[in-house]
Protein backbone atom coordinates (compact mmCIF):
# COMPACT_ATOMS: atom_id res chain seq x y z
CA MET A 1 40.45 47.07 23.34
CA PRO A 2 36.79 46.14 24.56
CA GLU A 3 34.05 46.29 21.54
CA GLY A 4 31.64 49.43 21.89
CA PRO A 5 27.82 48.91 22.08
CA THR A 6 26.74 47.09 18.52
CA LYS A 7 23.94 49.28 16.74
CA PRO A 8 20.95 47.64 15.43
CA PRO A 9 21.22 46.42 11.50
CA THR A 10 19.91 49.12 9.05
CA ALA A 11 18.07 48.17 5.88
CA ALA A 12 21.18 48.26 3.95
CA GLY A 13 22.64 45.83 6.16
CA ARG A 14 19.80 43.49 6.17
CA GLY A 15 20.25 43.34 2.02
CA GLY A 16 18.19 46.60 1.47
CA ARG A 17 19.39 49.98 0.30
CA ALA A 18 20.23 52.66 2.56
CA ARG A 19 18.07 55.99 2.31
CA GLY A 20 19.99 58.73 0.08
CA ALA A 21 22.18 56.29 -1.65
CA SER A 22 21.97 56.62 -5.41
CA ARG A 23 21.32 53.59 -7.59
CA ALA A 24 23.93 51.76 -9.54
CA PRO A 25 23.94 53.14 -12.86
CA ARG A 26 22.57 50.25 -15.44
CA PRO A 27 24.21 49.73 -18.35
CA ALA A 28 23.13 51.19 -21.76
CA ARG A 29 21.00 49.29 -23.99
CA LEU A 30 22.63 48.65 -27.35
CA SER A 31 21.63 50.82 -30.25
CA LEU A 32 21.12 49.25 -33.44
CA THR A 33 21.99 52.98 -34.93
CA ARG A 34 25.42 53.28 -33.15
CA PRO A 35 28.10 53.33 -35.64
CA ARG A 36 29.95 50.04 -36.48
CA PRO A 37 33.42 49.57 -35.74
CA PRO A 38 36.30 50.14 -38.26
CA SER A 39 36.77 46.87 -40.21
CA ARG A 40 39.88 44.80 -39.68
CA PHE A 41 40.89 45.36 -43.52
CA CYS A 42 41.32 48.90 -45.26
CA GLU A 43 39.04 48.47 -48.29
CA VAL A 44 40.17 50.15 -51.57
CA GLY A 45 38.01 50.27 -54.74
CA TRP A 46 39.29 49.99 -58.59
CA LEU A 47 37.37 50.36 -61.54
CA VAL A 48 38.18 50.90 -65.04
CA ASP A 49 36.65 54.02 -66.58
CA ALA A 50 36.76 53.47 -70.25
CA ASP A 51 34.03 54.18 -72.79
CA LYS A 52 35.35 51.58 -75.36
CA ALA A 53 37.48 48.52 -74.87
CA GLY A 54 37.32 48.30 -70.76
CA LEU A 55 37.36 44.30 -71.14
CA ILE A 56 41.07 44.70 -72.06
CA TYR A 57 42.35 46.18 -68.67
CA GLY A 58 42.68 43.48 -66.47
CA PRO A 59 42.23 43.60 -62.57
CA PRO A 60 45.00 44.37 -60.30
CA ARG A 61 47.00 41.04 -58.87
CA ALA A 62 48.89 40.88 -55.70
CA LEU A 63 52.61 39.80 -56.49
CA GLY A 64 52.32 37.53 -53.86
CA ARG A 65 49.82 35.43 -55.82
CA ARG A 66 51.50 35.36 -59.08
CA PRO A 67 51.88 32.05 -60.50
CA ASP A 68 55.49 31.87 -60.56
CA ARG A 69 55.36 33.04 -56.63
CA GLN A 70 53.05 30.56 -55.84
CA GLU A 71 55.08 27.73 -57.04
CA SER A 72 58.12 28.62 -55.48
CA LEU A 73 56.15 28.63 -52.06
CA GLU A 74 54.64 25.14 -52.81
CA ALA A 75 57.92 23.69 -53.35
CA PRO A 76 59.90 22.68 -50.25
CA ALA A 77 62.65 25.30 -48.84
CA ASN A 78 64.96 25.84 -46.18
CA PRO A 79 63.41 27.89 -43.50
CA LYS A 80 65.78 30.75 -44.26
CA SER A 81 65.18 30.72 -47.83
CA VAL A 82 64.19 34.06 -49.22
CA THR A 83 60.77 32.84 -50.19
CA ARG A 84 60.16 32.42 -46.26
CA CYS A 85 61.18 35.88 -45.51
CA PRO A 86 58.09 37.21 -43.56
CA ALA A 87 59.52 41.06 -44.58
CA LEU A 88 59.44 40.12 -48.36
CA ASN A 89 56.14 38.25 -48.27
CA ASP A 90 54.46 41.11 -46.54
CA LEU A 91 55.84 43.52 -48.89
CA ASP A 92 54.57 41.29 -51.82
CA ALA A 93 50.99 41.08 -50.35
CA ARG A 94 50.92 44.95 -50.04
CA THR A 95 52.06 45.46 -53.81
CA PHE A 96 50.10 45.22 -56.66
CA GLU A 97 50.84 45.03 -60.15
CA ILE A 98 48.97 46.15 -63.40
CA PRO A 99 49.06 44.10 -66.54
CA CYS A 100 49.67 45.85 -70.08
CA PRO A 101 46.36 45.58 -71.90
CA VAL A 102 48.14 45.63 -75.38
CA ASP A 103 51.05 44.75 -77.02
CA LEU A 104 53.15 47.86 -77.46
CA SER A 105 56.01 48.05 -79.89
CA LEU A 106 56.86 51.69 -80.53
CA ARG A 107 60.10 54.20 -81.60
CA LEU A 108 60.38 57.85 -81.88
CA ALA A 109 61.03 59.15 -85.34
CA GLN A 110 61.06 62.93 -86.52
CA ASP A 111 58.50 63.89 -89.35
CA ASP A 112 59.22 66.17 -92.27
CA LYS A 113 59.07 69.67 -89.88
CA GLY A 114 61.72 68.10 -87.49
CA GLN A 115 59.08 67.36 -84.91
CA LEU A 116 59.27 63.88 -82.54
CA ARG A 117 56.73 61.47 -83.37
CA VAL A 118 55.54 58.36 -81.64
CA VAL A 119 55.05 55.68 -84.28
CA PRO A 120 55.06 52.11 -84.39
CA THR A 121 58.53 50.12 -84.78
CA ALA A 122 57.58 48.67 -88.10
CA GLU A 123 54.13 48.13 -90.03
CA GLY A 124 51.78 45.50 -88.32
CA GLN A 125 53.99 45.69 -85.15
CA GLY A 126 52.06 45.76 -81.77
CA SER A 127 48.38 45.02 -81.64
CA VAL A 128 46.92 48.60 -81.78
CA ASN A 129 46.42 50.29 -85.00
CA ARG A 130 47.60 53.84 -85.93
CA GLN A 131 44.17 55.31 -85.59
CA HIS A 132 43.64 54.11 -82.02
CA LEU A 133 47.23 54.39 -81.17
CA SER A 134 47.17 58.16 -81.39
CA GLN A 135 44.00 58.43 -79.03
CA MET A 136 45.94 56.20 -76.48
CA VAL A 137 49.71 57.30 -76.50
CA PHE A 138 50.69 60.69 -76.67
CA LEU A 139 54.11 62.45 -76.56
CA LEU A 140 54.07 65.80 -73.82
CA GLN A 141 55.32 68.73 -75.49
CA ARG A 142 58.95 69.55 -74.72
CA GLU A 143 58.38 72.00 -72.17
CA ARG A 144 56.55 69.68 -69.83
CA TRP A 145 59.74 67.00 -70.01
CA ARG A 146 61.48 66.65 -66.74
CA ASP A 147 64.69 67.44 -68.90
CA PRO A 148 65.07 68.68 -72.33
CA ARG A 149 67.36 65.94 -73.61
CA TYR A 150 64.42 63.44 -72.63
CA PRO A 151 61.19 63.34 -74.36
CA VAL A 152 58.24 62.01 -72.39
CA ILE A 153 55.32 59.72 -73.36
CA GLN A 154 52.24 58.86 -71.79
CA VAL A 155 49.98 56.19 -72.25
CA VAL A 156 46.18 55.96 -71.42
CA ALA A 157 45.81 53.62 -68.15
CA PRO A 158 41.79 54.40 -67.11
CA TYR A 159 42.20 52.76 -63.70
CA ARG A 160 40.44 54.74 -60.69
CA PHE A 161 41.07 53.58 -56.83
CA ILE A 162 38.61 54.79 -54.32
CA ALA A 163 38.49 54.77 -50.66
CA ASP A 164 36.62 56.17 -47.72
CA GLU A 165 39.27 56.66 -45.59
CA GLU A 166 42.45 58.17 -45.76
CA VAL A 167 44.87 55.90 -48.28
CA TRP A 168 47.28 57.22 -50.19
CA LEU A 169 47.95 55.54 -53.40
CA ASN A 170 51.90 55.16 -54.94
CA GLN A 171 52.33 54.21 -58.41
CA LEU A 172 55.99 52.37 -59.14
CA PRO A 173 58.03 50.84 -62.06
CA PRO A 174 57.54 46.98 -62.23
CA TYR A 175 60.66 46.66 -60.43
CA ASP A 176 60.18 42.65 -59.59
CA HIS A 177 59.90 41.74 -63.34
CA TRP A 178 63.04 40.78 -65.20
CA ARG A 179 62.84 41.79 -69.00
CA GLU A 180 65.07 40.19 -71.89
CA THR A 181 64.88 43.72 -73.37
CA PRO A 182 64.86 46.62 -70.97
CA TRP A 183 62.41 49.56 -71.63
CA PRO A 184 64.74 52.51 -73.14
CA GLY A 185 63.54 55.13 -70.22
CA LEU A 186 62.53 55.40 -66.91
CA LEU A 187 58.76 54.98 -65.54
CA ILE A 188 57.61 58.22 -64.06
CA GLY A 189 55.72 57.76 -60.93
CA GLY A 190 53.56 59.52 -58.75
CA ARG A 191 51.39 59.76 -55.32
CA PHE A 192 48.28 61.11 -54.27
CA PRO A 193 45.46 60.67 -51.93
CA ILE A 194 42.43 58.27 -53.51
CA ASP A 195 39.83 59.02 -50.57
CA VAL A 196 39.70 62.79 -52.11
CA TRP A 197 41.38 62.57 -55.38
CA PRO A 198 40.19 59.12 -57.61
CA ARG A 199 41.77 60.41 -60.65
CA SER A 200 42.06 58.21 -63.58
CA LEU A 201 45.86 57.19 -63.84
CA MET A 202 48.26 57.20 -66.87
CA TRP A 203 51.34 55.28 -67.95
CA ALA A 204 54.51 57.81 -68.12
CA LEU A 205 58.11 56.97 -69.26
CA GLU A 206 60.85 59.28 -69.80
CA TRP A 207 62.84 57.92 -72.93
CA ARG A 208 66.48 57.98 -72.15
CA ASP A 209 67.85 56.47 -75.59
CA VAL A 210 65.79 57.48 -78.38
CA SER A 211 67.49 55.24 -80.66
CA LYS A 212 66.08 52.00 -78.92
CA PRO A 213 62.44 51.19 -79.31
CA LEU A 214 59.80 50.22 -76.28
CA GLU A 215 58.52 46.88 -76.44
CA ILE A 216 55.69 45.63 -74.20
CA ARG A 217 53.67 42.41 -74.71
CA ARG A 218 49.84 41.99 -73.35
CA GLY A 219 49.66 40.76 -69.67
CA GLU A 220 53.23 42.03 -68.65
CA PRO A 221 53.96 43.74 -65.50
CA TRP A 222 53.06 47.25 -66.61
CA PHE A 223 53.60 49.00 -63.29
CA TYR A 224 53.09 48.39 -59.63
CA LEU A 225 50.79 50.20 -57.01
CA ARG A 226 51.18 50.19 -53.30
CA PHE A 227 48.95 51.99 -50.82
CA GLU A 228 49.74 53.74 -47.59
CA THR A 229 47.21 53.78 -44.83
CA ARG A 230 47.35 55.65 -41.07
CA ASP A 231 48.00 51.99 -39.66
CA PRO A 232 51.15 50.41 -41.49
CA ALA A 233 50.21 46.93 -40.15
CA ARG A 234 46.81 47.07 -40.90
CA PRO A 235 45.82 44.37 -43.95
CA LEU A 236 44.76 45.79 -47.23
CA ARG A 237 41.53 44.21 -49.25
CA LEU A 238 40.83 45.57 -52.96
CA VAL A 239 37.14 44.98 -54.25
CA GLU A 240 35.97 46.35 -57.60
CA ALA A 241 33.79 49.26 -57.55
CA GLU A 242 31.12 50.69 -58.79
CA MET A 243 30.99 54.14 -60.68
CA THR A 244 28.09 55.40 -58.98
CA GLU A 245 26.58 58.64 -59.88
CA GLU A 246 27.99 60.52 -56.82
CA LEU A 247 31.39 58.97 -57.86
CA ARG A 248 30.71 60.19 -61.42
CA ARG A 249 29.99 63.74 -60.08
CA HIS A 250 32.84 64.04 -58.32
CA CYS A 251 35.69 62.48 -60.53
CA ARG A 252 34.18 65.25 -63.22
CA ALA A 253 35.21 67.88 -60.59
CA LEU A 254 38.89 66.89 -60.38
CA ASP A 255 39.66 65.58 -64.07
CA GLY A 256 41.31 67.61 -66.43
CA VAL A 257 42.13 70.15 -63.71
CA THR A 258 45.70 70.52 -64.51
CA ASN A 259 44.84 72.36 -67.87
CA TYR A 260 43.91 75.28 -65.81
CA VAL A 261 46.08 75.45 -62.53
CA GLY A 262 49.13 73.90 -61.41
CA GLN A 263 49.98 72.53 -58.12
CA THR A 264 46.56 70.34 -57.90
CA PHE A 265 47.79 69.51 -54.19
CA GLN A 266 46.33 72.53 -53.08
CA LEU A 267 42.76 71.71 -54.34
CA PHE A 268 42.71 68.34 -51.70
CA ALA A 269 41.32 70.30 -48.87
CA GLU A 270 38.41 71.59 -51.14
CA ALA A 271 38.20 68.06 -52.74
CA ARG A 272 37.74 66.53 -49.11
CA ALA A 273 35.22 69.10 -48.09
CA ARG A 274 32.55 68.53 -51.51
CA ARG A 275 33.39 64.89 -51.55
CA PRO A 276 30.10 62.71 -50.80
CA ALA A 277 30.00 60.74 -47.74
CA ARG A 278 30.55 57.55 -49.41
CA LEU A 279 32.34 57.17 -52.72
CA LEU A 280 33.34 53.23 -52.29
CA THR A 281 30.45 51.19 -53.73
CA ARG A 282 31.14 47.59 -54.32
CA ALA A 283 30.49 46.37 -58.02
CA GLU A 284 27.73 43.76 -58.14
CA ARG A 285 28.56 40.40 -60.20
CA PRO A 286 26.13 37.88 -61.04
CA ASN A 287 29.52 35.06 -60.59
CA ARG A 288 30.80 36.66 -57.73
CA ARG A 289 31.73 34.22 -54.58
CA PRO A 290 30.06 35.03 -51.36
């Protein structure tokens, strides 16, 4: 087919831009004020909120970093060994244990009026004197027990956990610790969102066998913690947090609400609306590594 007459080259054909053509959009300049992308880690803060003797409460520690676990990992093992199981190692890395702060040697006894009391097993047993034991260990009223046959005691555990994104805390029994003398009951766990409800924890035991004592040594696993995030595969990082004035005001608003209302989960929406933009501030320590 014969070619038609050739047209003179336009400015656009000579490398210019045809009239009426729009310019290509220029890339927007990077703004220093635009929000930073989310961190690869989900950061959870922890602190001990105690007026006295706060040094007795040790930091949370990952199960995978326990000395006995490290020794088993360093030893040569079959690739199919339990210590090489990625599912187990990932679970251990995401599970944290809280060590018991004191030696507890307790039993249940009846007083002259037939009322149950929590008392030391014998004079001089345990590391807490009687005066401070009554400020640390409480026997719940019978109407608050799960079962009228089994008393429930609570021990103060003044840990608070904080997050600035949606994170749920799960408090669990220390299932991976072998005890020569088992506890005489069951640990009562719990679950709540720490980004809106960073309440102080409690250790609660449902005393199933009242004829047996409760024996816990300082440093033994007291309870476990596991954290739920929106992305289950996202790694978690625990950091020591600072009790800022904003965090203190938020904690004061939620502490003790169970004395006035029930079903505190209904208050989560209100707590979310009232919480400051930032709750988690890392604690500054002179000897902290960079």
